[in-house]
Amino acid sequence: MTDLKGKNIIVTGASGGIGNSIIEKLNQAGANILASGTRVEKLDELKNKYENIKTLSFDISQSDKIEEFVESATKDLGGNLDCLVNNAGITQDNLLMRMSWEQWKKVIDTNLNSNFLIIKSFLPNMIKNRKGKIIGISSVVASTGNPGQANYVASKAGMIGMYKSIALEVAQRNINVNIVSPGFIKSPMTDKLNEEQQNNIMKIIPNKKFGNPEDIANIVNFLISEEANYITGQTFHVNGGMLMV
């Protein structure tokens, strides 16, 4: 098992399924974790379940409060940050012709603009220490497109371009910046799909099954580890063969 003892790691979107699995994997590796999310009850469950974890309730779409969040998170971790996992994200689906400006802006603010603000705020700490790992969770649809999700796709595709650019800017500072791009992962959303809907999705997945949240947590854990020190600016597709690039 990867040894992450002593590593200070922040995970946003920790109250969701993928976030939960990332927390579990990092906890098993001995990391010091600050878990952030919007559902207080879920964060409390994480805090009660795992050791070496702190929680901080925060809505990352509140751009005017990001500096306050960064200050609190850094203080809770003792002043130093080794890794940032940007997992938080939302959907507000609609066909483009029917999509409101509010739907567009909320998704872009939450999924993309927050990444810019959080990374910009935490980078000075990593640059000072001349080390760090930044990992973003994008989506397979960032590369394929998806009807009814122009806002979500734009936000997740924007993440990929932004992370590559940041990776180039900070590579000489010993900071690695990568993206994990999940396909269809088991979640409350996929549980609501009827049999016909599930069968239609399976037709485009060579593995003929949905992924597990653990599949995403495993690669995040690897990218944080010392074994991934020479990997930066990459997008890792975890989708059962749905997209091969």
Protein backbone atom coordinates (compact mmCIF):
# COMPACT_ATOMS: atom_id res chain seq x y z
CA MET A 1 0.00 0.00 0.00
CA THR A 2 1.13 3.54 -0.78
CA ASP A 3 2.54 5.35 2.25
CA LEU A 4 1.17 8.88 2.59
CA LYS A 5 1.94 9.35 6.29
CA GLY A 6 2.58 12.98 7.11
CA LYS A 7 1.09 14.23 3.84
CA ASN A 8 -1.41 17.09 4.23
CA ILE A 9 -4.18 16.73 1.66
CA ILE A 10 -7.33 18.73 0.93
CA VAL A 11 -10.24 17.03 -0.85
CA THR A 12 -13.17 19.12 -2.08
CA GLY A 13 -16.48 17.47 -2.87
CA ALA A 14 -15.75 14.97 -0.11
CA SER A 15 -19.40 14.39 0.76
CA GLY A 16 -20.17 12.61 -2.54
CA GLY A 17 -19.55 9.00 -3.56
CA ILE A 18 -16.22 9.51 -5.33
CA GLY A 19 -15.11 11.93 -2.62
CA ASN A 20 -15.94 9.37 0.07
CA SER A 21 -13.86 6.73 -1.67
CA ILE A 22 -10.92 9.10 -2.11
CA ILE A 23 -11.05 9.92 1.60
CA GLU A 24 -11.14 6.23 2.53
CA LYS A 25 -8.16 5.40 0.33
CA LEU A 26 -6.08 8.33 1.58
CA ASN A 27 -6.94 7.50 5.17
CA GLN A 28 -5.75 3.92 4.67
CA ALA A 29 -2.46 5.35 3.40
CA GLY A 30 -2.05 7.43 6.57
CA ALA A 31 -2.57 10.93 5.15
CA ASN A 32 -3.69 13.95 7.14
CA ILE A 33 -6.90 14.96 5.39
CA LEU A 34 -9.11 18.01 5.29
CA ALA A 35 -12.44 17.09 3.73
CA SER A 36 -14.60 19.85 2.31
CA GLY A 37 -18.16 19.69 1.04
CA THR A 38 -21.63 21.17 1.32
CA ARG A 39 -23.47 18.39 3.17
CA VAL A 40 -22.61 18.80 6.84
CA GLU A 41 -24.13 15.48 7.90
CA LYS A 42 -21.96 13.59 5.40
CA LEU A 43 -18.86 15.42 6.56
CA ASP A 44 -19.70 14.54 10.17
CA GLU A 45 -19.98 10.87 9.16
CA LEU A 46 -16.50 11.02 7.62
CA LYS A 47 -15.05 12.68 10.69
CA ASN A 48 -16.54 10.04 12.98
CA LYS A 49 -15.49 7.17 10.72
CA TYR A 50 -11.85 7.97 10.01
CA GLU A 51 -8.80 9.07 11.94
CA ASN A 52 -6.51 11.91 10.87
CA ILE A 53 -9.36 13.81 9.23
CA LYS A 54 -10.66 17.33 9.64
CA THR A 55 -13.76 18.69 7.94
CA LEU A 56 -14.75 22.10 6.67
CA SER A 57 -18.19 22.82 5.24
CA PHE A 58 -17.95 25.11 2.23
CA ASP A 59 -19.70 25.80 -1.08
CA ILE A 60 -16.91 26.38 -3.57
CA SER A 61 -19.19 28.38 -5.86
CA GLN A 62 -18.95 31.20 -3.30
CA SER A 63 -16.01 32.85 -5.00
CA ASP A 64 -15.98 35.80 -2.61
CA LYS A 65 -15.27 33.45 0.31
CA ILE A 66 -12.56 31.27 -1.26
CA GLU A 67 -9.71 33.18 0.39
CA GLU A 68 -11.39 32.64 3.76
CA PHE A 69 -11.75 28.93 2.98
CA VAL A 70 -8.08 28.65 1.96
CA GLU A 71 -6.93 30.43 5.11
CA SER A 72 -9.02 28.16 7.36
CA ALA A 73 -8.00 24.99 5.53
CA THR A 74 -4.30 25.85 5.63
CA LYS A 75 -4.50 26.64 9.34
CA ASP A 76 -6.29 23.36 10.06
CA LEU A 77 -3.48 21.45 8.32
CA GLY A 78 -0.72 23.20 10.25
CA GLY A 79 0.27 25.68 7.57
CA ASN A 80 1.52 23.35 4.83
CA LEU A 81 -0.26 21.63 1.94
CA ASP A 82 1.16 18.65 0.04
CA CYS A 83 -1.77 17.87 -2.22
CA LEU A 84 -5.02 19.40 -3.43
CA VAL A 85 -7.76 17.18 -4.90
CA ASN A 86 -10.44 19.24 -6.65
CA ASN A 87 -13.37 16.84 -6.80
CA ALA A 88 -16.36 19.14 -6.18
CA GLY A 89 -18.80 19.61 -9.03
CA ILE A 90 -22.47 19.99 -9.90
CA THR A 91 -24.80 19.49 -12.85
CA GLN A 92 -27.74 21.61 -13.97
CA ASP A 93 -28.73 19.94 -17.22
CA ASN A 94 -30.79 21.39 -20.01
CA LEU A 95 -30.71 21.69 -23.79
CA LEU A 96 -28.77 24.78 -24.81
CA MET A 97 -31.88 26.45 -26.28
CA ARG A 98 -33.60 26.10 -22.91
CA MET A 99 -30.61 26.62 -20.63
CA SER A 100 -30.80 29.76 -18.51
CA TRP A 101 -27.88 32.05 -17.82
CA GLU A 102 -28.20 31.11 -14.16
CA GLN A 103 -27.82 27.39 -15.00
CA TRP A 104 -24.78 28.11 -17.16
CA LYS A 105 -23.12 30.44 -14.67
CA LYS A 106 -23.71 28.26 -11.58
CA VAL A 107 -22.05 25.22 -13.18
CA ILE A 108 -19.13 27.19 -14.61
CA ASP A 109 -18.59 28.97 -11.27
CA THR A 110 -18.69 25.74 -9.28
CA ASN A 111 -16.83 23.39 -11.60
CA LEU A 112 -14.30 25.67 -13.30
CA ASN A 113 -13.90 29.11 -11.76
CA SER A 114 -13.54 27.62 -8.28
CA ASN A 115 -10.64 25.49 -9.52
CA PHE A 116 -8.87 28.62 -10.75
CA LEU A 117 -9.40 30.47 -7.48
CA ILE A 118 -8.50 27.58 -5.17
CA ILE A 119 -5.36 26.60 -7.09
CA LYS A 120 -4.24 30.23 -7.35
CA SER A 121 -4.68 30.61 -3.59
CA PHE A 122 -2.84 27.42 -2.63
CA LEU A 123 0.01 27.63 -5.15
CA PRO A 124 2.19 30.07 -3.17
CA ASN A 125 2.38 27.50 -0.34
CA MET A 126 3.48 24.74 -2.73
CA ILE A 127 5.92 27.00 -4.57
CA LYS A 128 7.48 28.04 -1.26
CA ASN A 129 7.95 24.37 -0.32
CA ARG A 130 9.03 23.47 -3.87
CA LYS A 131 6.73 20.45 -3.97
CA GLY A 132 3.08 19.57 -4.37
CA LYS A 133 0.44 17.58 -6.20
CA ILE A 134 -2.73 19.05 -7.73
CA ILE A 135 -5.37 16.66 -9.05
CA GLY A 136 -8.66 17.60 -10.70
CA ILE A 137 -11.62 15.34 -11.33
CA SER A 138 -13.04 15.99 -14.80
CA SER A 139 -15.34 13.70 -16.82
CA VAL A 140 -15.38 11.54 -19.94
CA VAL A 141 -17.92 13.93 -21.47
CA ALA A 142 -15.24 16.64 -21.47
CA SER A 143 -13.74 14.73 -24.40
CA THR A 144 -16.93 13.39 -26.03
CA GLY A 145 -19.54 16.08 -25.45
CA ASN A 146 -23.03 15.22 -24.19
CA PRO A 147 -26.43 16.61 -25.25
CA GLY A 148 -28.13 18.59 -22.53
CA GLN A 149 -24.88 19.25 -20.68
CA ALA A 150 -23.21 22.12 -22.56
CA ASN A 151 -22.47 23.91 -19.28
CA TYR A 152 -21.10 20.82 -17.52
CA VAL A 153 -19.04 19.73 -20.53
CA ALA A 154 -17.61 23.22 -20.97
CA SER A 155 -16.59 23.34 -17.31
CA LYS A 156 -14.94 19.91 -17.35
CA ALA A 157 -13.21 20.47 -20.70
CA GLY A 158 -12.00 23.84 -19.42
CA MET A 159 -10.44 22.09 -16.44
CA ILE A 160 -8.32 19.90 -18.72
CA GLY A 161 -6.90 22.86 -20.63
CA MET A 162 -6.33 24.87 -17.48
CA TYR A 163 -4.56 22.05 -15.65
CA LYS A 164 -2.22 21.43 -18.59
CA SER A 165 -1.30 25.11 -18.63
CA ILE A 166 -0.70 25.19 -14.88
CA ALA A 167 1.38 22.02 -15.15
CA LEU A 168 3.68 23.78 -17.60
CA GLU A 169 3.96 26.82 -15.36
CA VAL A 170 4.95 24.97 -12.17
CA ALA A 171 6.81 21.88 -13.41
CA GLN A 172 10.21 23.31 -12.47
CA ARG A 173 8.91 23.91 -8.95
CA ASN A 174 8.46 20.16 -8.46
CA ILE A 175 4.65 20.48 -8.55
CA ASN A 176 2.68 17.87 -10.46
CA VAL A 177 -0.71 18.76 -11.96
CA ASN A 178 -2.96 16.06 -13.43
CA ILE A 179 -6.57 15.27 -14.30
CA VAL A 180 -8.60 12.11 -13.66
CA SER A 181 -11.52 11.76 -16.06
CA PRO A 182 -14.16 9.22 -14.91
CA GLY A 183 -16.71 7.53 -17.13
CA PHE A 184 -19.96 6.11 -15.73
CA ILE A 185 -19.34 5.42 -12.05
CA LYS A 186 -21.84 3.74 -9.71
CA SER A 187 -23.67 6.44 -7.79
CA PRO A 188 -27.20 7.42 -6.68
CA MET A 189 -27.59 8.85 -10.20
CA THR A 190 -26.85 5.56 -11.96
CA ASP A 191 -29.00 3.68 -9.42
CA LYS A 192 -32.01 5.69 -10.65
CA LEU A 193 -31.57 4.56 -14.26
CA ASN A 194 -34.11 2.02 -15.47
CA GLU A 195 -33.07 -1.21 -17.16
CA GLU A 196 -33.45 0.19 -20.68
CA GLN A 197 -31.32 3.23 -19.85
CA GLN A 198 -28.63 1.06 -18.27
CA ASN A 199 -28.59 -1.27 -21.28
CA ASN A 200 -28.18 1.67 -23.68
CA ILE A 201 -25.20 2.90 -21.69
CA MET A 202 -23.65 -0.58 -21.54
CA LYS A 203 -23.65 -0.67 -25.34
CA ILE A 204 -20.96 2.02 -25.42
CA ILE A 205 -18.85 0.58 -22.57
CA PRO A 206 -16.63 -2.32 -23.71
CA ASN A 207 -16.32 -3.56 -20.11
CA LYS A 208 -20.14 -3.80 -19.97
CA LYS A 209 -20.30 -2.47 -16.43
CA PHE A 210 -20.24 0.75 -14.46
CA GLY A 211 -17.07 1.65 -12.62
CA ASN A 212 -16.83 1.85 -8.85
CA PRO A 213 -15.89 4.99 -6.92
CA GLU A 214 -12.85 3.01 -5.72
CA ASP A 215 -11.57 2.92 -9.31
CA ILE A 216 -11.19 6.69 -9.19
CA ALA A 217 -9.79 6.70 -5.66
CA ASN A 218 -7.09 4.21 -6.67
CA ILE A 219 -5.62 6.39 -9.38
CA VAL A 220 -5.90 9.53 -7.26
CA ASN A 221 -3.97 7.73 -4.54
CA PHE A 222 -1.29 6.74 -7.04
CA LEU A 223 -0.94 10.25 -8.46
CA ILE A 224 -0.41 11.65 -4.96
CA SER A 225 2.29 9.09 -4.21
CA GLU A 226 6.03 9.42 -4.76
CA GLU A 227 5.74 6.80 -7.53
CA ALA A 228 4.02 9.44 -9.71
CA ASN A 229 6.61 12.18 -9.31
CA TYR A 230 7.51 12.17 -13.03
CA ILE A 231 3.89 12.41 -14.22
CA THR A 232 2.40 15.84 -14.91
CA GLY A 233 0.04 17.52 -17.35
CA GLN A 234 -1.79 14.26 -18.06
CA THR A 235 -5.45 13.25 -18.27
CA PHE A 236 -6.19 9.75 -17.00
CA HIS A 237 -9.34 8.23 -18.49
CA VAL A 238 -11.09 5.71 -16.23
CA ASN A 239 -14.13 4.61 -18.21
CA GLY A 240 -14.08 0.89 -18.99
CA GLY A 241 -12.99 1.57 -22.56
CA MET A 242 -15.88 3.93 -23.35
CA LEU A 243 -13.33 6.43 -24.66
CA MET A 244 -9.86 5.42 -25.85
CA VAL A 245 -7.41 8.22 -26.56
